[in-house]
Amino acid sequence: MTMGVFVAHTIYWKEPSLASRNIDKRDAFLQEIKDSVEVTKRVNTKWMTVVPGYVDLKQDMNYQTEHVIESLKQASVILEPHNLTMF
C-alpha cells in the first residue's frame, strides 16, 4: 500500500511562522522537515504538505513571500536527495 500526502510540520494558525523573520521558527520548521524524511520511509510515501501558516499583518506581503520562499528553498535542499516532494 502507498500512503498519500501528510503534513510535514507544525502549522501556526494564530501567529506568523514561515512568513515572519523569526529564524528560530524557520530552524524549527527545517528540523521538522528533516524529521519528516524518516516518516516518509515508515509510511511509504514521497509527498508531503507544507503550509506557510498565518500571515504577518505587520509586514509587507512581498517580504513575507520572500521569507516563505527562502524557507522552502532550504527545505528543498533537505528533501531533494531523498526524491521527496512538498505540496
Protein backbone atom coordinates (compact mmCIF):
# COMPACT_ATOMS: atom_id res chain seq x y z
CA MET A 1 0.00 0.00 0.00
CA THR A 2 1.24 3.50 -0.81
CA MET A 3 0.20 6.30 1.50
CA GLY A 4 -0.82 9.70 0.22
CA VAL A 5 0.23 13.13 1.44
CA PHE A 6 0.88 14.00 5.10
CA VAL A 7 1.57 17.34 6.81
CA ALA A 8 5.32 17.62 7.34
CA HIS A 9 5.47 20.28 10.06
CA THR A 10 3.61 22.24 12.72
CA ILE A 11 1.19 24.74 11.22
CA TYR A 12 0.81 28.00 13.12
CA TRP A 13 -2.75 29.27 12.64
CA LYS A 14 -2.64 32.17 15.11
CA GLU A 15 0.84 33.64 14.71
CA PRO A 16 3.25 34.11 11.81
CA SER A 17 5.89 31.44 11.31
CA LEU A 18 7.33 30.96 7.82
CA ALA A 19 6.17 34.41 6.72
CA SER A 20 7.90 36.05 9.66
CA ARG A 21 11.55 37.00 10.02
CA ASN A 22 11.85 34.67 13.01
CA ILE A 23 14.92 32.49 12.38
CA ASP A 24 14.09 30.23 15.33
CA LYS A 25 10.75 29.33 13.72
CA ARG A 26 12.49 28.70 10.39
CA ASP A 27 15.04 26.46 12.12
CA ALA A 28 12.23 24.55 13.86
CA PHE A 29 10.44 24.15 10.51
CA LEU A 30 13.63 22.83 8.87
CA GLN A 31 14.17 20.37 11.73
CA GLU A 32 10.63 19.06 11.26
CA ILE A 33 11.31 18.70 7.54
CA LYS A 34 14.44 16.66 8.36
CA ASP A 35 12.35 14.52 10.71
CA SER A 36 9.71 14.03 8.02
CA VAL A 37 12.24 12.19 5.84
CA GLU A 38 12.08 9.29 8.29
CA VAL A 39 8.28 9.46 8.32
CA THR A 40 8.17 9.04 4.54
CA LYS A 41 10.17 5.83 4.87
CA ARG A 42 7.83 4.45 7.55
CA VAL A 43 4.61 5.22 5.67
CA ASN A 44 5.92 4.59 2.16
CA THR A 45 5.21 7.93 0.53
CA LYS A 46 7.08 10.56 -1.45
CA TRP A 47 4.79 13.56 -0.88
CA MET A 48 4.18 15.93 2.00
CA THR A 49 2.09 19.02 2.60
CA VAL A 50 3.76 22.26 3.66
CA VAL A 51 1.58 25.18 4.81
CA PRO A 52 3.18 28.62 5.32
CA GLY A 53 0.62 29.37 8.02
CA TYR A 54 -0.59 32.68 9.38
CA VAL A 55 0.33 35.92 7.62
CA ASP A 56 2.24 38.65 9.43
CA LEU A 57 -0.12 41.64 9.43
CA LYS A 58 2.73 43.95 10.47
CA GLN A 59 4.85 43.18 7.41
CA ASP A 60 4.52 43.90 3.68
CA MET A 61 3.31 40.86 1.71
CA ASN A 62 6.39 40.94 -0.55
CA TYR A 63 8.71 40.46 2.42
CA GLN A 64 6.53 37.66 3.75
CA THR A 65 6.68 35.95 0.38
CA GLU A 66 10.45 36.30 0.38
CA HIS A 67 10.67 34.65 3.83
CA VAL A 68 8.44 31.76 2.79
CA ILE A 69 10.39 31.18 -0.44
CA GLU A 70 13.69 31.14 1.45
CA SER A 71 12.31 28.59 3.92
CA LEU A 72 11.04 26.39 1.08
CA LYS A 73 14.38 26.61 -0.73
CA GLN A 74 16.18 25.40 2.37
CA ALA A 75 13.63 22.61 2.84
CA SER A 76 14.11 21.55 -0.79
CA VAL A 77 17.83 21.06 -0.18
CA ILE A 78 16.93 18.62 2.61
CA LEU A 79 14.31 16.72 0.60
CA GLU A 80 15.89 16.58 -2.85
CA PRO A 81 18.46 13.83 -2.12
CA HIS A 82 15.57 11.61 -0.97
CA ASN A 83 13.41 12.37 -4.04
CA LEU A 84 10.64 13.78 -1.83
CA THR A 85 8.09 16.39 -2.90
CA MET A 86 6.44 19.21 -0.93
CA PHE A 87 2.94 20.36 -1.90
